[in-house]
Structure formats: structure tokens, C-alpha cells
Amino acid sequence: MGRLGNIAEIQAVKRRLASLTEMGLVKHWELPYENTLTRLTAAVFCLTLDVNATQGAIIDALQDCGRPQLRPNTERILSQSDLYLEFKES
């Protein structure tokens, strides 16, 4: 089990999402409950893409961080963002 909060794999995804935001592909992202996480596969990132971005481009940009999966945020419980980004077990 990892330590709470500062997980290297999660930090790598956060840096990549910040980069995608600077590039104008991601409009907004957040990571609810970050300080309670012990592994990347437990993380649920919430994000909204820019109108010019595709889900495929985001998945491609995150491939080296793990096995990313995007799904619609229909529940709107954790966030008002459009998508959930999760990483599958290897």
C-alpha cells in the first residue's frame, strides 16, 4: 500500500493534465479526494475538454502514465466536469 496523498504516478498524471491545459486541449480538471489516495487506479480525475480537443488525443497523451479510460460524468456527484478519467489495473 502506498502513502496517502503524494503518489508519484498521480503526480505524473497531474503534470500531464496541466500541460494539456496549457496546450488548450483540457479546459478544466480536478482530482477530488486527492489526499486520501494510495494508488493511481483508485483515482478519479474529473475533466472538461476544450471544444477543439478529442477524447482520443487525451488518451494518447496519457498512455505512458498507465491505461487511461475516459467515460461521461453522468452522475455529477464528484464534479460538474464532463468526463471522468480513470486508470485500469495493468
Protein backbone atom coordinates (compact mmCIF):
# COMPACT_ATOMS: atom_id res chain seq x y z
CA MET A 1 0.00 0.00 0.00
CA GLY A 2 1.27 3.47 -0.85
CA ARG A 3 1.37 6.56 1.27
CA LEU A 4 -1.60 8.89 1.37
CA GLY A 5 -1.63 11.87 -0.94
CA ASN A 6 1.68 12.37 -2.73
CA ILE A 7 1.75 9.37 -5.10
CA ALA A 8 4.35 9.57 -7.90
CA GLU A 9 2.04 8.10 -10.57
CA ILE A 10 -0.75 10.53 -9.67
CA GLN A 11 1.68 13.45 -9.71
CA ALA A 12 2.78 12.41 -13.24
CA VAL A 13 -0.84 12.48 -14.47
CA LYS A 14 -1.40 15.86 -12.82
CA ARG A 15 1.66 17.28 -14.60
CA ARG A 16 0.44 15.88 -17.91
CA LEU A 17 -3.05 17.33 -17.40
CA ALA A 18 -1.52 20.71 -16.55
CA SER A 19 0.45 20.51 -19.78
CA LEU A 20 -2.67 19.61 -21.76
CA THR A 21 -4.42 22.57 -20.14
CA GLU A 22 -1.60 24.89 -21.22
CA MET A 23 -1.84 23.46 -24.75
CA GLY A 24 -5.56 24.30 -24.78
CA LEU A 25 -6.83 20.72 -25.02
CA VAL A 26 -8.22 20.48 -21.49
CA LYS A 27 -10.41 23.32 -20.31
CA HIS A 28 -10.57 22.30 -16.64
CA TRP A 29 -9.57 19.32 -14.49
CA GLU A 30 -9.65 18.36 -10.83
CA LEU A 31 -8.88 15.41 -8.59
CA PRO A 32 -11.39 15.04 -5.76
CA TYR A 33 -10.16 13.35 -2.57
CA GLU A 34 -6.53 13.52 -3.70
CA ASN A 35 -5.15 13.44 -0.17
CA THR A 36 -6.82 10.10 0.58
CA LEU A 37 -5.49 8.21 -2.47
CA THR A 38 -2.85 5.50 -2.24
CA ARG A 39 -2.64 4.41 -5.90
CA LEU A 40 -3.39 5.69 -9.40
CA THR A 41 -6.01 3.02 -10.08
CA ALA A 42 -8.14 4.44 -7.23
CA ALA A 43 -8.03 7.98 -8.62
CA VAL A 44 -10.94 9.56 -10.49
CA PHE A 45 -9.88 12.69 -12.33
CA CYS A 46 -12.69 14.96 -13.48
CA LEU A 47 -12.15 16.98 -16.62
CA THR A 48 -13.76 19.04 -19.32
CA LEU A 49 -12.14 19.13 -22.74
CA ASP A 50 -11.76 22.17 -24.92
CA VAL A 51 -14.14 22.18 -27.90
CA ASN A 52 -11.17 21.56 -30.24
CA ALA A 53 -9.90 18.50 -28.32
CA THR A 54 -10.83 14.88 -28.91
CA GLN A 55 -11.02 12.14 -26.34
CA GLY A 56 -8.59 10.12 -28.46
CA ALA A 57 -5.97 12.86 -28.25
CA ILE A 58 -6.26 12.94 -24.47
CA ILE A 59 -6.00 9.14 -24.19
CA ASP A 60 -2.94 9.16 -26.48
CA ALA A 61 -1.28 11.88 -24.39
CA LEU A 62 -1.75 9.86 -21.19
CA GLN A 63 -0.78 6.39 -22.46
CA ASP A 64 2.65 6.45 -20.84
CA CYS A 65 1.05 7.13 -17.44
CA GLY A 66 -0.92 3.87 -17.42
CA ARG A 67 -4.07 2.59 -19.08
CA PRO A 68 -6.34 5.65 -19.24
CA GLN A 69 -10.07 5.37 -19.74
CA LEU A 70 -12.49 8.28 -20.25
CA ARG A 71 -16.20 8.00 -19.52
CA PRO A 72 -19.02 10.51 -19.36
CA ASN A 73 -19.75 12.05 -15.98
CA THR A 74 -23.47 11.47 -15.98
CA GLU A 75 -23.81 11.30 -12.18
CA ARG A 76 -22.35 14.77 -11.47
CA ILE A 77 -21.63 13.67 -7.89
CA LEU A 78 -17.88 14.28 -7.62
CA SER A 79 -17.78 17.19 -10.04
CA GLN A 80 -19.66 19.17 -12.65
CA SER A 81 -16.97 18.33 -15.22
CA ASP A 82 -18.00 16.47 -18.38
CA LEU A 83 -15.74 13.41 -18.10
CA TYR A 84 -14.19 11.02 -15.63
CA LEU A 85 -10.63 9.88 -16.28
CA GLU A 86 -9.62 6.64 -14.62
CA PHE A 87 -6.69 4.26 -14.99
CA LYS A 88 -7.18 0.50 -15.29
CA GLU A 89 -5.08 -2.07 -13.49
CA SER A 90 -2.17 -3.28 -15.66
